[in-house]
N, C-alpha and C. Protein backbone atom coordinates (compact mmCIF):
# COMPACT_ATOMS: atom_id res chain seq x y z
N UNK A 1 153.14 -52.53 46.22
CA UNK A 1 152.02 -52.15 46.98
C UNK A 1 150.94 -51.88 45.69
N UNK A 2 149.90 -52.57 45.98
CA UNK A 2 148.66 -52.26 45.01
C UNK A 2 147.61 -51.71 45.50
N UNK A 3 146.76 -51.27 44.59
CA UNK A 3 145.39 -50.55 45.11
C UNK A 3 144.32 -51.49 44.71
N UNK A 4 143.54 -51.73 45.62
CA UNK A 4 142.23 -52.33 45.55
C UNK A 4 141.43 -51.75 44.49
N UNK A 5 140.11 -52.38 43.87
CA UNK A 5 139.30 -51.76 43.29
C UNK A 5 138.37 -50.87 43.54
N UNK A 6 138.54 -50.43 45.00
CA UNK A 6 137.65 -49.36 45.36
C UNK A 6 138.14 -48.12 45.66
N UNK A 7 139.45 -47.90 44.88
CA UNK A 7 139.96 -46.64 45.05
C UNK A 7 139.79 -46.13 43.44
N UNK A 8 139.63 -44.60 43.66
CA UNK A 8 139.41 -43.93 42.35
C UNK A 8 140.61 -43.23 41.85
N UNK A 9 141.32 -43.19 40.84
CA UNK A 9 142.45 -42.55 40.54
C UNK A 9 141.87 -41.18 39.60
N UNK A 10 142.59 -40.17 39.98
CA UNK A 10 142.47 -38.79 39.24
C UNK A 10 143.87 -38.23 39.23
N UNK A 11 144.58 -38.65 37.95
CA UNK A 11 145.99 -38.09 38.02
C UNK A 11 146.88 -38.81 38.89
N UNK A 12 147.71 -37.88 39.60
CA UNK A 12 148.48 -38.59 40.73
C UNK A 12 147.82 -38.24 42.08
N UNK A 13 146.37 -38.50 42.01
CA UNK A 13 145.70 -38.32 43.28
C UNK A 13 144.88 -39.55 43.44
N UNK A 14 144.71 -39.97 44.63
CA UNK A 14 143.82 -41.07 44.92
C UNK A 14 142.81 -41.03 46.07
N UNK A 15 141.62 -41.19 45.49
CA UNK A 15 140.52 -41.18 46.56
C UNK A 15 140.16 -42.88 46.76
N UNK A 16 139.97 -42.92 48.17
CA UNK A 16 139.59 -44.24 48.61
C UNK A 16 138.85 -44.07 49.88
N UNK A 17 138.10 -45.19 50.18
CA UNK A 17 137.31 -44.93 51.30
C UNK A 17 138.10 -45.24 52.83
N UNK A 18 137.23 -45.15 53.95
CA UNK A 18 138.12 -44.94 55.27
C UNK A 18 138.86 -46.28 55.50
N UNK A 19 138.62 -47.28 54.82
CA UNK A 19 139.49 -48.31 55.16
C UNK A 19 141.12 -48.26 54.85
N UNK A 20 141.34 -47.22 53.86
CA UNK A 20 142.67 -47.01 53.69
C UNK A 20 143.50 -46.07 54.42
N UNK A 21 142.80 -45.71 55.60
CA UNK A 21 143.27 -44.72 56.45
C UNK A 21 144.57 -45.00 57.24
N UNK A 22 145.05 -46.15 56.99
CA UNK A 22 146.24 -46.76 57.79
C UNK A 22 147.62 -45.73 57.56
N UNK A 23 148.16 -45.36 58.45
CA UNK A 23 149.31 -44.50 58.31
C UNK A 23 150.31 -44.86 57.46
N UNK A 24 150.67 -46.15 57.53
CA UNK A 24 151.98 -46.79 56.77
C UNK A 24 151.65 -46.71 55.30
N UNK A 25 150.20 -47.00 54.98
CA UNK A 25 149.73 -46.98 53.66
C UNK A 25 149.77 -45.39 53.14
N UNK A 26 149.57 -44.69 53.67
CA UNK A 26 149.28 -43.30 53.43
C UNK A 26 150.66 -42.60 53.26
N UNK A 27 151.58 -43.00 53.97
CA UNK A 27 152.96 -42.63 53.93
C UNK A 27 153.68 -43.02 52.81
N UNK A 28 153.27 -44.18 52.51
CA UNK A 28 153.97 -44.96 51.18
C UNK A 28 153.49 -44.35 49.86
N UNK A 29 152.23 -44.01 49.86
CA UNK A 29 151.94 -43.22 48.84
C UNK A 29 152.14 -41.87 48.64
N UNK A 30 152.31 -41.31 49.67
CA UNK A 30 153.22 -39.77 49.74
C UNK A 30 154.48 -40.02 49.17
N UNK A 31 155.29 -41.08 49.54
CA UNK A 31 156.57 -41.08 49.09
C UNK A 31 156.66 -41.53 47.69
N UNK A 32 155.80 -42.28 47.13
CA UNK A 32 155.56 -42.51 45.54
C UNK A 32 155.11 -41.18 44.75
N UNK A 33 154.92 -40.07 45.38
CA UNK A 33 154.42 -38.94 44.69
C UNK A 33 153.06 -38.99 44.44
N UNK A 34 152.02 -39.73 45.19
CA UNK A 34 150.65 -39.78 45.15
C UNK A 34 149.80 -39.22 46.13
N UNK A 35 149.18 -38.24 45.90
CA UNK A 35 148.42 -37.53 46.79
C UNK A 35 146.93 -38.27 47.40
N UNK A 36 147.06 -38.89 48.60
CA UNK A 36 145.90 -39.57 48.93
C UNK A 36 145.01 -38.87 49.48
N UNK A 37 143.55 -39.01 49.03
CA UNK A 37 142.52 -38.15 49.65
C UNK A 37 141.52 -39.15 50.02
N UNK A 38 141.92 -39.55 51.60
CA UNK A 38 141.27 -40.50 52.12
C UNK A 38 140.55 -39.75 53.46
N UNK A 39 139.26 -40.11 53.75
CA UNK A 39 138.71 -39.69 54.92
C UNK A 39 139.33 -40.29 56.26
N UNK A 40 139.77 -39.31 57.14
CA UNK A 40 140.11 -39.89 58.25
C UNK A 40 139.10 -39.69 59.53
N UNK A 41 139.07 -40.56 60.25
CA UNK A 41 138.01 -40.70 61.38
C UNK A 41 138.30 -39.90 62.46
N UNK A 42 137.17 -39.16 62.96
CA UNK A 42 137.24 -38.42 64.03
C UNK A 42 138.19 -38.93 65.18
N UNK A 43 138.72 -38.02 66.04
CA UNK A 43 139.44 -38.41 67.31
C UNK A 43 140.93 -38.11 67.05
N UNK A 44 141.56 -38.29 68.22
CA UNK A 44 142.92 -38.24 68.34
C UNK A 44 143.71 -39.17 67.32
N UNK A 45 144.78 -38.62 66.75
CA UNK A 45 145.69 -39.35 65.97
C UNK A 45 146.87 -39.80 66.97
N UNK A 46 147.06 -40.91 66.97
CA UNK A 46 148.08 -41.61 68.10
C UNK A 46 149.45 -41.79 67.27
N UNK A 47 150.46 -41.65 67.92
CA UNK A 47 151.68 -41.82 67.43
C UNK A 47 152.72 -40.66 66.91
N UNK A 48 151.96 -39.50 67.07
CA UNK A 48 152.73 -38.23 66.45
C UNK A 48 154.27 -37.98 67.33
N UNK A 49 154.08 -38.23 68.61
CA UNK A 49 155.10 -38.19 69.36
C UNK A 49 155.85 -39.38 69.70
N UNK A 50 155.74 -40.38 69.00
CA UNK A 50 156.21 -41.92 69.33
C UNK A 50 157.95 -41.65 69.06
N UNK A 51 158.47 -42.40 69.72
CA UNK A 51 159.99 -42.56 69.47
C UNK A 51 160.40 -43.30 68.34
N UNK A 52 159.37 -44.23 67.97
CA UNK A 52 159.95 -44.95 66.58
C UNK A 52 159.51 -44.06 65.55
N UNK A 53 160.50 -44.09 64.51
CA UNK A 53 160.26 -43.25 63.30
C UNK A 53 159.16 -43.50 62.29
N UNK A 54 159.08 -44.87 62.35
CA UNK A 54 157.96 -45.38 61.10
C UNK A 54 156.76 -44.96 62.02
N UNK A 55 156.48 -44.92 63.16
CA UNK A 55 155.09 -44.67 63.81
C UNK A 55 154.93 -43.31 63.73
N UNK A 56 155.91 -42.58 63.88
CA UNK A 56 155.74 -40.97 63.85
C UNK A 56 155.55 -40.77 62.31
N UNK A 57 156.23 -41.03 61.41
CA UNK A 57 155.83 -40.75 60.01
C UNK A 57 154.51 -41.29 59.58
N UNK A 58 153.90 -42.51 60.23
CA UNK A 58 152.59 -42.83 59.88
C UNK A 58 151.49 -41.86 60.33
N UNK A 59 151.82 -41.58 61.64
CA UNK A 59 150.98 -40.52 62.13
C UNK A 59 150.98 -39.17 61.51
N UNK A 60 152.17 -38.49 61.15
CA UNK A 60 152.30 -37.27 60.45
C UNK A 60 151.39 -37.58 59.21
N UNK A 61 151.61 -38.77 58.52
CA UNK A 61 150.91 -38.83 57.10
C UNK A 61 149.42 -38.86 57.45
N UNK A 62 148.70 -39.39 58.46
CA UNK A 62 147.38 -39.19 58.89
C UNK A 62 146.77 -37.74 59.12
N UNK A 63 147.72 -37.18 59.79
CA UNK A 63 147.51 -35.68 60.03
C UNK A 63 147.41 -34.95 58.86
N UNK A 64 148.40 -35.14 57.71
CA UNK A 64 148.38 -34.63 56.66
C UNK A 64 147.04 -34.80 55.84
N UNK A 65 146.69 -36.05 55.88
CA UNK A 65 145.45 -36.49 55.15
C UNK A 65 144.35 -35.90 55.77
N UNK A 66 144.36 -35.62 57.18
CA UNK A 66 142.98 -34.93 57.78
C UNK A 66 142.85 -33.59 57.32
N UNK A 67 144.31 -32.86 57.31
CA UNK A 67 144.08 -31.47 56.79
C UNK A 67 143.72 -31.12 55.50
N UNK A 68 144.02 -32.19 54.69
CA UNK A 68 143.62 -32.37 53.21
C UNK A 68 142.29 -32.44 53.05
N UNK A 69 141.53 -33.10 54.19
CA UNK A 69 140.11 -33.23 54.01
C UNK A 69 139.36 -31.82 53.85
N UNK A 70 139.94 -30.71 54.35
CA UNK A 70 139.28 -29.58 54.47
C UNK A 70 139.40 -28.59 53.24
N UNK A 71 140.22 -28.86 51.98
CA UNK A 71 140.52 -28.51 50.98
C UNK A 71 139.41 -28.57 49.84
N UNK A 72 139.36 -27.76 48.76
CA UNK A 72 138.66 -27.47 47.74
C UNK A 72 138.90 -28.98 46.77
N UNK A 73 140.21 -29.12 46.75
CA UNK A 73 140.51 -30.38 45.99
C UNK A 73 140.11 -31.61 46.61
N UNK A 74 139.87 -31.75 47.93
CA UNK A 74 139.31 -33.17 48.40
C UNK A 74 137.80 -33.22 48.03
N UNK A 75 137.18 -32.09 48.07
CA UNK A 75 135.82 -32.05 47.79
C UNK A 75 135.56 -32.30 46.19
N UNK A 76 136.55 -31.97 45.30
CA UNK A 76 136.43 -32.20 43.96
C UNK A 76 136.46 -33.65 43.70
N UNK A 77 137.49 -34.33 44.17
CA UNK A 77 137.85 -35.64 44.04
C UNK A 77 136.77 -36.57 44.71
N UNK A 78 136.24 -36.18 45.82
CA UNK A 78 135.10 -36.86 46.47
C UNK A 78 133.92 -36.74 45.11
N UNK A 79 133.57 -35.90 44.54
CA UNK A 79 132.55 -35.65 43.62
C UNK A 79 132.68 -36.58 42.28
N UNK A 80 134.12 -36.78 42.03
CA UNK A 80 134.34 -37.65 41.01
C UNK A 80 134.04 -39.06 41.38
N UNK A 81 134.84 -39.38 42.74
CA UNK A 81 134.52 -40.59 43.28
C UNK A 81 132.97 -41.13 43.41
N UNK A 82 132.21 -40.05 43.70
CA UNK A 82 130.81 -40.41 43.80
C UNK A 82 130.24 -40.91 42.64
N UNK A 83 130.61 -40.17 41.37
CA UNK A 83 129.90 -40.65 40.10
C UNK A 83 130.69 -42.00 39.85
N UNK A 84 132.01 -42.35 39.90
CA UNK A 84 132.31 -43.68 39.63
C UNK A 84 131.66 -44.59 40.26
N UNK A 85 131.53 -44.44 41.76
CA UNK A 85 130.75 -45.33 42.59
C UNK A 85 129.35 -45.81 41.94
N UNK A 86 128.63 -44.60 41.37
CA UNK A 86 127.19 -44.80 41.05
C UNK A 86 127.36 -45.71 39.82
N UNK A 87 128.41 -45.56 38.75
CA UNK A 87 128.60 -46.47 37.72
C UNK A 87 128.61 -47.79 38.25
N UNK A 88 129.62 -48.02 39.14
CA UNK A 88 129.98 -49.14 39.68
C UNK A 88 128.83 -49.83 40.20
N UNK A 89 127.91 -49.39 41.19
CA UNK A 89 126.65 -49.67 41.70
C UNK A 89 125.75 -50.20 40.63
N UNK A 90 125.44 -49.32 39.55
CA UNK A 90 124.58 -49.61 38.38
C UNK A 90 125.10 -50.88 37.74
N UNK A 91 126.28 -51.14 37.54
CA UNK A 91 126.87 -52.48 36.79
C UNK A 91 126.50 -53.44 37.90
N UNK A 92 126.75 -53.35 38.99
CA UNK A 92 126.62 -54.44 39.94
C UNK A 92 125.12 -54.86 40.02
N UNK A 93 124.17 -53.92 40.29
CA UNK A 93 122.92 -54.26 40.73
C UNK A 93 122.06 -54.55 39.25
N UNK A 94 121.97 -53.57 38.20
CA UNK A 94 121.40 -53.71 37.12
C UNK A 94 122.15 -54.53 36.01
N UNK A 95 123.44 -54.30 35.96
CA UNK A 95 124.23 -55.09 35.01
C UNK A 95 124.53 -56.55 35.29
N UNK A 96 124.19 -56.94 36.50
CA UNK A 96 124.37 -58.21 37.05
C UNK A 96 125.78 -58.69 37.25
N UNK A 97 126.73 -57.79 37.70
CA UNK A 97 128.23 -57.92 37.87
C UNK A 97 128.43 -58.32 39.40
N UNK A 98 127.32 -58.19 40.21
CA UNK A 98 127.51 -58.53 41.54
C UNK A 98 127.74 -60.00 41.93
N UNK A 99 127.18 -60.84 41.02
CA UNK A 99 127.31 -62.33 41.01
C UNK A 99 127.22 -62.76 39.75
N UNK A 100 128.39 -62.83 39.05
CA UNK A 100 128.26 -63.41 37.57
C UNK A 100 127.70 -64.71 37.42
N UNK A 101 127.08 -65.01 36.21
CA UNK A 101 126.60 -66.19 35.91
C UNK A 101 127.41 -67.08 35.00
N UNK A 102 128.77 -66.54 34.91
CA UNK A 102 129.53 -67.27 33.93
C UNK A 102 130.76 -67.88 34.64
N UNK A 103 131.26 -68.72 33.99
CA UNK A 103 132.49 -69.49 34.52
C UNK A 103 133.60 -69.18 33.48
N UNK A 104 134.76 -68.69 34.09
CA UNK A 104 136.01 -68.37 33.22
C UNK A 104 136.43 -67.00 33.09
N UNK A 105 137.53 -66.50 32.87
CA UNK A 105 137.95 -65.10 32.98
C UNK A 105 137.30 -64.58 31.63
N UNK A 106 137.51 -65.24 30.64
CA UNK A 106 137.22 -64.63 29.19
C UNK A 106 135.68 -64.19 29.08
N UNK A 107 134.83 -65.23 29.72
CA UNK A 107 133.52 -64.82 29.70
C UNK A 107 133.09 -63.99 30.62
N UNK A 108 133.55 -63.76 31.76
CA UNK A 108 133.35 -62.88 32.79
C UNK A 108 133.78 -61.11 32.13
N UNK A 109 134.98 -61.33 31.42
CA UNK A 109 135.54 -60.09 30.93
C UNK A 109 134.30 -59.61 29.74
N UNK A 110 133.69 -60.55 29.00
CA UNK A 110 133.13 -60.36 28.03
C UNK A 110 131.50 -59.65 28.74
N UNK A 111 131.15 -60.41 29.83
CA UNK A 111 130.13 -59.83 30.63
C UNK A 111 130.46 -58.33 30.99
N UNK A 112 131.40 -58.24 31.71
CA UNK A 112 131.79 -56.86 32.02
C UNK A 112 131.61 -55.86 30.72
N UNK A 113 132.39 -56.17 29.55
CA UNK A 113 132.43 -55.31 28.61
C UNK A 113 130.83 -54.92 28.08
N UNK A 114 130.05 -56.11 28.09
CA UNK A 114 128.60 -55.70 27.48
C UNK A 114 127.92 -54.88 28.59
N UNK A 115 128.15 -55.04 29.92
CA UNK A 115 127.45 -54.22 30.79
C UNK A 115 127.93 -52.98 30.60
N UNK A 116 129.20 -52.65 30.51
CA UNK A 116 129.75 -51.28 30.31
C UNK A 116 129.20 -50.63 29.05
N UNK A 117 129.05 -51.46 28.10
CA UNK A 117 128.40 -50.83 26.67
C UNK A 117 126.91 -50.41 26.79
N UNK A 118 126.17 -51.10 27.72
CA UNK A 118 124.83 -51.03 28.07
C UNK A 118 124.63 -49.68 28.83
N UNK A 119 125.53 -49.73 29.64
CA UNK A 119 125.59 -48.35 30.55
C UNK A 119 125.88 -47.06 29.68
N UNK A 120 126.94 -47.30 28.73
CA UNK A 120 127.12 -46.04 27.86
C UNK A 120 125.86 -45.97 27.16
N UNK A 121 125.17 -46.80 26.45
CA UNK A 121 124.08 -46.53 25.71
C UNK A 121 122.87 -45.79 26.47
N UNK A 122 122.83 -46.24 27.53
CA UNK A 122 122.03 -45.34 28.51
C UNK A 122 122.26 -43.94 28.61
N UNK A 123 123.55 -43.86 28.76
CA UNK A 123 124.21 -42.41 28.99
C UNK A 123 123.73 -41.49 27.77
N UNK A 124 124.12 -42.26 26.57
CA UNK A 124 123.94 -41.49 25.18
C UNK A 124 122.43 -41.20 24.98
N UNK A 125 121.38 -41.99 25.52
CA UNK A 125 119.89 -41.82 25.49
C UNK A 125 119.67 -40.77 26.38
N UNK A 126 120.27 -40.54 27.46
CA UNK A 126 120.16 -39.50 28.56
C UNK A 126 120.61 -38.28 27.92
N UNK A 127 121.75 -38.33 27.23
CA UNK A 127 122.44 -37.19 26.72
C UNK A 127 121.43 -36.36 25.58
N UNK A 128 121.02 -37.57 24.53
CA UNK A 128 120.25 -37.05 23.49
C UNK A 128 118.81 -36.46 24.16
N UNK A 129 118.26 -37.12 25.05
CA UNK A 129 117.18 -36.51 25.72
C UNK A 129 117.49 -34.90 26.34
N UNK A 130 118.51 -34.75 26.84
CA UNK A 130 118.77 -33.51 27.35
C UNK A 130 118.97 -32.59 26.38
N UNK A 131 119.50 -32.78 25.25
CA UNK A 131 119.97 -32.06 23.98
C UNK A 131 118.79 -31.45 23.31
N UNK A 132 117.54 -32.57 23.52
CA UNK A 132 116.29 -32.22 22.50
C UNK A 132 115.31 -31.18 23.19
């Protein structure tokens, strides 16, 4: 099981968009010791009373994720995720990573490294201005 690039890791916790609300996925993460902080859509959660054990476990995992949405830890993880998403958005729009102009893994990696360095320089300039 792998995690796509749009998930944010904080220790043994994972924050991900709503697309990752599938019960079997959440159940597997919990079995591996990872706490998923995923928004669960409003409405009834089907399968909690299913005869099939896998469907029941998946529905229970979605119920646990929905309860987790009301905790302070969930809000903290979402704040961290927002900061990470802002950086990714800057790299894609300003840094040009949305559509690379290079061909080849090494050149694209170099572009990503230079874009990250440029963002860090911007952060340093903002920090210096804030401290002055």
